[in-house]
Amino acid sequence: MERASGEGGALLDSMYCAILEGAVGRHPKALKRFRSMMQQILCTLEPLPMEALHAMRVCFTRKHDRFDVAIILDYMGSLLSGVTDPTKPIRPLHASFYDFLTDHSRSEDYFVGESDVQADLAVASLRILDGGLSFNICELESSYLLNSEVPDLAERVKARISPHLSYSCRFWAKHLQVTKFDPVLAGHLRDLLGSEKMMFWFEAMSLLGILGNAALALSYATRWLQVSRSVV
């Protein structure tokens, strides 16, 4: 399916508007929550299940953004997949829905524009690392074995490293690098870099099989701090 032009395109937009009016309505608070929720989904670097989206949202900076994602997502089953199973990644049923949301002339009240959600995702990721990382997170019996020598490592990783913790380990620095300097965010970054949590992060990255990405993440953090220092 490609977006039809002319009358067909107008019909598609009318369908999306009708579905959203039934699912979200036009009350200002509901619209604000809808836009915030969709901004989060649009800006995450890989689809996350509802439970992970909620775990990150409750770590957002502003209190009014820390609502239960089910308030919005429970009614979006005709537009998003995964909303009926909290363990399945949330994805659009068709890419044209995102095109609709990001074009104000088409979506009007349901338009999802740019926001500071990247900063929220960076803060949430760092908070999740601080609260979720621990020494020997997968409870390995020996530190002398290679990861490849642990027969049930995949099962341990799945059980002990949640989707939102895995996401935060892998993507906190990418969200950080596209945000402006903020002292609160800088404080969360300092808490990670200046504590034993950094070693626990290295361990988690190794268990996830992406330890090589840690150097790039740290280079993003260093560049962000240098640029931020020059600005302030």
C-alpha atoms as a PDB file:
ATOM      1  CA  MET A   1       0.000   0.000   0.000  1.00  0.00           C
ATOM      2  CA  GLU A   2       1.288   3.393  -1.003  1.00  0.00           C
ATOM      3  CA  ARG A   3      -0.473   6.593  -0.098  1.00  0.00           C
ATOM      4  CA  ALA A   4      -2.918   7.367  -2.864  1.00  0.00           C
ATOM      5  CA  SER A   5      -3.031  10.850  -4.334  1.00  0.00           C
ATOM      6  CA  GLY A   6      -6.070  13.052  -4.737  1.00  0.00           C
ATOM      7  CA  GLU A   7      -9.349  11.572  -3.587  1.00  0.00           C
ATOM      8  CA  GLY A   8      -7.735   8.331  -2.423  1.00  0.00           C
ATOM      9  CA  GLY A   9      -5.282  10.186  -0.227  1.00  0.00           C
ATOM     10  CA  ALA A  10      -8.062  12.280   1.289  1.00  0.00           C
ATOM     11  CA  LEU A  11      -9.982   9.096   2.048  1.00  0.00           C
ATOM     12  CA  LEU A  12      -6.975   7.586   3.839  1.00  0.00           C
ATOM     13  CA  ASP A  13      -6.517  10.743   5.921  1.00  0.00           C
ATOM     14  CA  SER A  14     -10.218  10.821   6.752  1.00  0.00           C
ATOM     15  CA  MET A  15      -9.998   7.214   7.908  1.00  0.00           C
ATOM     16  CA  TYR A  16      -7.054   7.979  10.223  1.00  0.00           C
ATOM     17  CA  CYS A  17      -8.817  11.050  11.620  1.00  0.00           C
ATOM     18  CA  ALA A  18     -11.996   9.078  12.271  1.00  0.00           C
ATOM     19  CA  ILE A  19     -10.108   6.294  14.057  1.00  0.00           C
ATOM     20  CA  LEU A  20      -8.147   8.763  16.194  1.00  0.00           C
ATOM     21  CA  GLU A  21     -11.224  10.779  17.054  1.00  0.00           C
ATOM     22  CA  GLY A  22     -12.836   7.610  18.357  1.00  0.00           C
ATOM     23  CA  ALA A  23      -9.713   6.386  20.170  1.00  0.00           C
ATOM     24  CA  VAL A  24      -8.278   9.666  21.492  1.00  0.00           C
ATOM     25  CA  GLY A  25     -10.936  12.331  21.057  1.00  0.00           C
ATOM     26  CA  ARG A  26     -10.144  16.047  20.998  1.00  0.00           C
ATOM     27  CA  HIS A  27      -9.890  16.954  24.677  1.00  0.00           C
ATOM     28  CA  PRO A  28      -6.683  18.993  25.169  1.00  0.00           C
ATOM     29  CA  LYS A  29      -5.285  16.670  27.872  1.00  0.00           C
ATOM     30  CA  ALA A  30      -5.956  13.562  25.787  1.00  0.00           C
ATOM     31  CA  LEU A  31      -4.381  15.163  22.707  1.00  0.00           C
ATOM     32  CA  LYS A  32      -1.313  16.216  24.703  1.00  0.00           C
ATOM     33  CA  ARG A  33      -0.842  12.683  26.023  1.00  0.00           C
ATOM     34  CA  PHE A  34      -1.379  11.209  22.560  1.00  0.00           C
ATOM     35  CA  ARG A  35       1.267  13.484  21.017  1.00  0.00           C
ATOM     36  CA  SER A  36       3.707  12.721  23.828  1.00  0.00           C
ATOM     37  CA  MET A  37       3.145   8.982  23.460  1.00  0.00           C
ATOM     38  CA  MET A  38       3.587   9.029  19.699  1.00  0.00           C
ATOM     39  CA  GLN A  39       6.696  11.215  19.970  1.00  0.00           C
ATOM     40  CA  GLN A  40       8.204   8.551  22.208  1.00  0.00           C
ATOM     41  CA  ILE A  41       7.332   5.784  19.748  1.00  0.00           C
ATOM     42  CA  LEU A  42       8.591   7.802  16.782  1.00  0.00           C
ATOM     43  CA  CYS A  43      11.925   8.627  18.424  1.00  0.00           C
ATOM     44  CA  THR A  44      12.875   5.301  19.968  1.00  0.00           C
ATOM     45  CA  LEU A  45      15.627   3.727  17.896  1.00  0.00           C
ATOM     46  CA  GLU A  46      13.958   0.327  17.766  1.00  0.00           C
ATOM     47  CA  PRO A  47      10.375  -0.757  18.522  1.00  0.00           C
ATOM     48  CA  LEU A  48       9.741  -1.518  22.182  1.00  0.00           C
ATOM     49  CA  PRO A  49       6.914  -3.457  23.860  1.00  0.00           C
ATOM     50  CA  MET A  50       4.345  -1.629  25.927  1.00  0.00           C
ATOM     51  CA  GLU A  51       5.945  -2.642  29.224  1.00  0.00           C
ATOM     52  CA  ALA A  52       9.302  -1.199  28.146  1.00  0.00           C
ATOM     53  CA  LEU A  53       7.731   2.004  26.824  1.00  0.00           C
ATOM     54  CA  HIS A  54       6.006   2.443  30.175  1.00  0.00           C
ATOM     55  CA  ALA A  55       9.164   1.686  32.165  1.00  0.00           C
ATOM     56  CA  MET A  56      10.963   4.444  30.270  1.00  0.00           C
ATOM     57  CA  ARG A  57       8.077   6.915  30.450  1.00  0.00           C
ATOM     58  CA  VAL A  58       7.837   6.769  34.241  1.00  0.00           C
ATOM     59  CA  CYS A  59      11.445   8.013  34.258  1.00  0.00           C
ATOM     60  CA  PHE A  60      10.675  11.121  32.180  1.00  0.00           C
ATOM     61  CA  THR A  61      11.578  14.458  33.756  1.00  0.00           C
ATOM     62  CA  ARG A  62       8.193  16.178  33.842  1.00  0.00           C
ATOM     63  CA  LYS A  63       5.497  14.763  36.096  1.00  0.00           C
ATOM     64  CA  HIS A  64       2.669  15.277  33.569  1.00  0.00           C
ATOM     65  CA  ASP A  65       4.533  13.053  31.076  1.00  0.00           C
ATOM     66  CA  ARG A  66       4.725  10.140  33.500  1.00  0.00           C
ATOM     67  CA  PHE A  67       1.346   8.581  32.727  1.00  0.00           C
ATOM     68  CA  ASP A  68       0.414   4.955  32.092  1.00  0.00           C
ATOM     69  CA  VAL A  69       0.998   4.319  28.383  1.00  0.00           C
ATOM     70  CA  ALA A  70      -2.014   1.988  28.321  1.00  0.00           C
ATOM     71  CA  ILE A  71      -4.242   5.074  28.618  1.00  0.00           C
ATOM     72  CA  ILE A  72      -3.377   5.770  24.983  1.00  0.00           C
ATOM     73  CA  LEU A  73      -2.131   2.501  23.543  1.00  0.00           C
ATOM     74  CA  ASP A  74      -5.037   0.324  24.667  1.00  0.00           C
ATOM     75  CA  TYR A  75      -7.201   2.144  22.111  1.00  0.00           C
ATOM     76  CA  MET A  76      -4.724   2.110  19.222  1.00  0.00           C
ATOM     77  CA  GLY A  77      -5.053  -1.519  18.143  1.00  0.00           C
ATOM     78  CA  SER A  78      -6.439  -0.593  14.717  1.00  0.00           C
ATOM     79  CA  LEU A  79      -3.327   1.492  13.963  1.00  0.00           C
ATOM     80  CA  LEU A  80      -0.497  -0.135  15.928  1.00  0.00           C
ATOM     81  CA  SER A  81       0.513  -3.763  16.322  1.00  0.00           C
ATOM     82  CA  GLY A  82       1.575  -5.169  19.677  1.00  0.00           C
ATOM     83  CA  VAL A  83      -0.912  -3.287  21.840  1.00  0.00           C
ATOM     84  CA  THR A  84      -2.766  -6.448  22.890  1.00  0.00           C
ATOM     85  CA  ASP A  85       0.410  -8.155  24.150  1.00  0.00           C
ATOM     86  CA  PRO A  86       2.627  -6.165  26.561  1.00  0.00           C
ATOM     87  CA  THR A  87       5.666  -8.223  25.514  1.00  0.00           C
ATOM     88  CA  LYS A  88       5.380  -7.529  21.759  1.00  0.00           C
ATOM     89  CA  PRO A  89       7.066  -4.480  20.158  1.00  0.00           C
ATOM     90  CA  ILE A  90       4.719  -1.634  19.277  1.00  0.00           C
ATOM     91  CA  ARG A  91       4.810  -0.982  15.523  1.00  0.00           C
ATOM     92  CA  PRO A  92       2.563   0.847  13.062  1.00  0.00           C
ATOM     93  CA  LEU A  93       0.384  -1.422  10.994  1.00  0.00           C
ATOM     94  CA  HIS A  94       1.395   0.714   8.014  1.00  0.00           C
ATOM     95  CA  ALA A  95       4.122   3.328   7.481  1.00  0.00           C
ATOM     96  CA  SER A  96       1.580   5.761   6.043  1.00  0.00           C
ATOM     97  CA  PHE A  97       0.300   6.324   9.599  1.00  0.00           C
ATOM     98  CA  TYR A  98       3.594   7.917  10.635  1.00  0.00           C
ATOM     99  CA  ASP A  99       3.600   9.995   7.453  1.00  0.00           C
ATOM    100  CA  PHE A 100       0.113  11.183   8.361  1.00  0.00           C
ATOM    101  CA  LEU A 101       1.091  12.070  11.942  1.00  0.00           C
ATOM    102  CA  THR A 102       4.108  14.158  10.913  1.00  0.00           C
ATOM    103  CA  ASP A 103       2.300  16.218   8.266  1.00  0.00           C
ATOM    104  CA  HIS A 104       0.289  18.981   9.963  1.00  0.00           C
ATOM    105  CA  SER A 105      -1.763  19.692   6.854  1.00  0.00           C
ATOM    106  CA  ARG A 106      -3.068  16.129   6.999  1.00  0.00           C
ATOM    107  CA  SER A 107      -3.318  15.284  10.698  1.00  0.00           C
ATOM    108  CA  GLU A 108      -4.259  18.725  12.132  1.00  0.00           C
ATOM    109  CA  ASP A 109      -5.148  18.162  15.816  1.00  0.00           C
ATOM    110  CA  TYR A 110      -3.273  14.842  15.806  1.00  0.00           C
ATOM    111  CA  PHE A 111      -0.075  16.286  14.370  1.00  0.00           C
ATOM    112  CA  VAL A 112       3.075  14.996  16.090  1.00  0.00           C
ATOM    113  CA  GLY A 113       5.898  17.497  15.703  1.00  0.00           C
ATOM    114  CA  GLU A 114       9.387  17.844  17.076  1.00  0.00           C
ATOM    115  CA  SER A 115       9.823  18.022  20.819  1.00  0.00           C
ATOM    116  CA  ASP A 116      12.415  17.522  23.520  1.00  0.00           C
ATOM    117  CA  VAL A 117      11.513  13.843  23.804  1.00  0.00           C
ATOM    118  CA  GLN A 118      15.116  12.961  22.931  1.00  0.00           C
ATOM    119  CA  ALA A 119      16.200  14.528  26.232  1.00  0.00           C
ATOM    120  CA  ASP A 120      13.466  12.574  28.018  1.00  0.00           C
ATOM    121  CA  LEU A 121      14.696   9.347  26.424  1.00  0.00           C
ATOM    122  CA  ALA A 122      18.292  10.148  27.403  1.00  0.00           C
ATOM    123  CA  VAL A 123      17.286  10.886  31.008  1.00  0.00           C
ATOM    124  CA  ALA A 124      15.095   7.791  31.162  1.00  0.00           C
ATOM    125  CA  SER A 125      17.870   5.584  29.788  1.00  0.00           C
ATOM    126  CA  LEU A 126      20.388   6.870  32.319  1.00  0.00           C
ATOM    127  CA  ARG A 127      17.920   6.467  35.182  1.00  0.00           C
ATOM    128  CA  ILE A 128      17.161   2.914  34.105  1.00  0.00           C
ATOM    129  CA  LEU A 129      20.878   2.114  33.986  1.00  0.00           C
ATOM    130  CA  ASP A 130      21.316   3.532  37.471  1.00  0.00           C
ATOM    131  CA  GLY A 131      18.442   1.511  38.890  1.00  0.00           C
ATOM    132  CA  GLY A 132      18.789  -1.652  36.823  1.00  0.00           C
ATOM    133  CA  LEU A 133      22.485  -2.433  36.507  1.00  0.00           C
ATOM    134  CA  SER A 134      24.156  -4.578  39.136  1.00  0.00           C
ATOM    135  CA  PHE A 135      27.257  -6.658  39.664  1.00  0.00           C
ATOM    136  CA  ASN A 136      27.084 -10.072  37.962  1.00  0.00           C
ATOM    137  CA  ILE A 137      23.627  -9.232  36.665  1.00  0.00           C
ATOM    138  CA  CYS A 138      23.129 -12.678  35.109  1.00  0.00           C
ATOM    139  CA  GLU A 139      24.339 -14.503  38.226  1.00  0.00           C
ATOM    140  CA  LEU A 140      27.105 -16.415  36.449  1.00  0.00           C
ATOM    141  CA  GLU A 141      28.785 -19.035  38.609  1.00  0.00           C
ATOM    142  CA  SER A 142      32.280 -18.233  37.352  1.00  0.00           C
ATOM    143  CA  SER A 143      34.002 -15.184  35.886  1.00  0.00           C
ATOM    144  CA  TYR A 144      36.657 -17.403  34.303  1.00  0.00           C
ATOM    145  CA  LEU A 145      34.392 -18.670  31.545  1.00  0.00           C
ATOM    146  CA  LEU A 146      34.001 -17.009  28.179  1.00  0.00           C
ATOM    147  CA  ASN A 147      30.458 -15.937  27.340  1.00  0.00           C
ATOM    148  CA  SER A 148      30.439 -18.586  24.641  1.00  0.00           C
ATOM    149  CA  GLU A 149      31.195 -21.223  27.290  1.00  0.00           C
ATOM    150  CA  VAL A 150      28.064 -20.462  29.332  1.00  0.00           C
ATOM    151  CA  PRO A 151      25.485 -22.916  27.941  1.00  0.00           C
ATOM    152  CA  ASP A 152      22.352 -21.065  29.046  1.00  0.00           C
ATOM    153  CA  LEU A 153      23.628 -17.500  28.632  1.00  0.00           C
ATOM    154  CA  ALA A 154      20.876 -16.431  26.225  1.00  0.00           C
ATOM    155  CA  GLU A 155      18.196 -17.543  28.676  1.00  0.00           C
ATOM    156  CA  ARG A 156      19.934 -15.751  31.550  1.00  0.00           C
ATOM    157  CA  VAL A 157      20.244 -12.534  29.550  1.00  0.00           C
ATOM    158  CA  LYS A 158      16.574 -12.658  28.592  1.00  0.00           C
ATOM    159  CA  ALA A 159      15.538 -13.261  32.188  1.00  0.00           C
ATOM    160  CA  ARG A 160      17.848 -10.724  33.854  1.00  0.00           C
ATOM    161  CA  ILE A 161      18.204  -7.902  31.326  1.00  0.00           C
ATOM    162  CA  SER A 162      14.781  -6.485  30.560  1.00  0.00           C
ATOM    163  CA  PRO A 163      13.959  -4.958  27.163  1.00  0.00           C
ATOM    164  CA  HIS A 164      14.068  -1.418  28.577  1.00  0.00           C
ATOM    165  CA  LEU A 165      17.392  -2.058  30.321  1.00  0.00           C
ATOM    166  CA  SER A 166      18.821  -3.580  27.137  1.00  0.00           C
ATOM    167  CA  TYR A 167      17.575  -0.600  25.127  1.00  0.00           C
ATOM    168  CA  SER A 168      19.066   1.845  27.615  1.00  0.00           C
ATOM    169  CA  CYS A 169      22.432   0.071  27.575  1.00  0.00           C
ATOM    170  CA  ARG A 170      22.585   0.263  23.792  1.00  0.00           C
ATOM    171  CA  PHE A 171      21.105   3.646  23.010  1.00  0.00           C
ATOM    172  CA  TRP A 172      21.545   6.107  25.902  1.00  0.00           C
ATOM    173  CA  ALA A 173      24.475   7.818  24.207  1.00  0.00           C
ATOM    174  CA  LYS A 174      22.700   8.171  20.866  1.00  0.00           C
ATOM    175  CA  HIS A 175      19.825   9.989  22.530  1.00  0.00           C
ATOM    176  CA  LEU A 176      22.300  12.084  24.510  1.00  0.00           C
ATOM    177  CA  GLN A 177      24.218  13.291  21.473  1.00  0.00           C
ATOM    178  CA  VAL A 178      21.150  14.898  19.858  1.00  0.00           C
ATOM    179  CA  THR A 179      20.085  16.854  22.956  1.00  0.00           C
ATOM    180  CA  LYS A 180      21.059  20.304  24.153  1.00  0.00           C
ATOM    181  CA  PHE A 181      22.979  20.713  27.368  1.00  0.00           C
ATOM    182  CA  ASP A 182      20.883  20.356  30.479  1.00  0.00           C
ATOM    183  CA  PRO A 183      22.302  20.312  34.020  1.00  0.00           C
ATOM    184  CA  VAL A 184      19.879  17.613  35.164  1.00  0.00           C
ATOM    185  CA  LEU A 185      20.861  15.376  32.256  1.00  0.00           C
ATOM    186  CA  ALA A 186      24.538  16.139  32.901  1.00  0.00           C
ATOM    187  CA  GLY A 187      24.030  15.072  36.507  1.00  0.00           C
ATOM    188  CA  HIS A 188      22.614  11.710  35.452  1.00  0.00           C
ATOM    189  CA  LEU A 189      25.539  11.239  33.068  1.00  0.00           C
ATOM    190  CA  ARG A 190      28.011  12.065  35.846  1.00  0.00           C
ATOM    191  CA  ASP A 191      26.328   9.516  38.108  1.00  0.00           C
ATOM    192  CA  LEU A 192      26.918   6.822  35.473  1.00  0.00           C
ATOM    193  CA  LEU A 193      30.452   7.750  34.440  1.00  0.00           C
ATOM    194  CA  GLY A 194      31.707   8.375  37.965  1.00  0.00           C
ATOM    195  CA  SER A 195      30.483   5.234  39.698  1.00  0.00           C
ATOM    196  CA  GLU A 196      30.811   1.476  39.666  1.00  0.00           C
ATOM    197  CA  LYS A 197      27.713   1.412  37.461  1.00  0.00           C
ATOM    198  CA  MET A 198      30.055   2.067  34.535  1.00  0.00           C
ATOM    199  CA  MET A 199      31.715  -1.308  35.105  1.00  0.00           C
ATOM    200  CA  PHE A 200      28.319  -2.959  35.392  1.00  0.00           C
ATOM    201  CA  TRP A 201      27.372  -1.333  32.074  1.00  0.00           C
ATOM    202  CA  PHE A 202      30.473  -2.802  30.434  1.00  0.00           C
ATOM    203  CA  GLU A 203      29.454  -6.211  31.767  1.00  0.00           C
ATOM    204  CA  ALA A 204      25.911  -5.854  30.425  1.00  0.00           C
ATOM    205  CA  MET A 205      27.203  -4.737  27.032  1.00  0.00           C
ATOM    206  CA  SER A 206      29.426  -7.813  26.937  1.00  0.00           C
ATOM    207  CA  LEU A 207      26.530 -10.091  27.835  1.00  0.00           C
ATOM    208  CA  LEU A 208      24.458  -8.469  25.091  1.00  0.00           C
ATOM    209  CA  GLY A 209      27.283  -9.199  22.656  1.00  0.00           C
ATOM    210  CA  ILE A 210      27.983  -5.549  21.800  1.00  0.00           C
ATOM    211  CA  LEU A 211      30.880  -4.563  24.046  1.00  0.00           C
ATOM    212  CA  GLY A 212      32.612  -3.061  21.001  1.00  0.00           C
ATOM    213  CA  ASN A 213      29.902  -0.380  20.851  1.00  0.00           C
ATOM    214  CA  ALA A 214      30.838   0.942  24.299  1.00  0.00           C
ATOM    215  CA  ALA A 215      33.792   2.955  22.969  1.00  0.00           C
ATOM    216  CA  LEU A 216      31.569   4.756  20.459  1.00  0.00           C
ATOM    217  CA  ALA A 217      28.981   5.500  23.146  1.00  0.00           C
ATOM    218  CA  LEU A 218      31.638   7.009  25.385  1.00  0.00           C
ATOM    219  CA  SER A 219      32.946   9.110  22.497  1.00  0.00           C
ATOM    220  CA  TYR A 220      29.409  10.493  22.012  1.00  0.00           C
ATOM    221  CA  ALA A 221      29.257  11.338  25.728  1.00  0.00           C
ATOM    222  CA  THR A 222      32.676  13.003  25.661  1.00  0.00           C
ATOM    223  CA  ARG A 223      31.751  15.094  22.617  1.00  0.00           C
ATOM    224  CA  TRP A 224      28.441  16.114  24.212  1.00  0.00           C
ATOM    225  CA  LEU A 225      30.195  17.247  27.378  1.00  0.00           C
ATOM    226  CA  GLN A 226      32.855  19.167  25.426  1.00  0.00           C
ATOM    227  CA  VAL A 227      30.344  20.956  23.218  1.00  0.00           C
ATOM    228  CA  SER A 228      28.087  21.666  26.170  1.00  0.00           C
ATOM    229  CA  ARG A 229      30.978  23.113  28.177  1.00  0.00           C
ATOM    230  CA  SER A 230      31.890  25.449  25.328  1.00  0.00           C
ATOM    231  CA  VAL A 231      28.261  26.651  25.071  1.00  0.00           C
ATOM    232  CA  VAL A 232      27.792  27.351  28.759  1.00  0.00           C
END
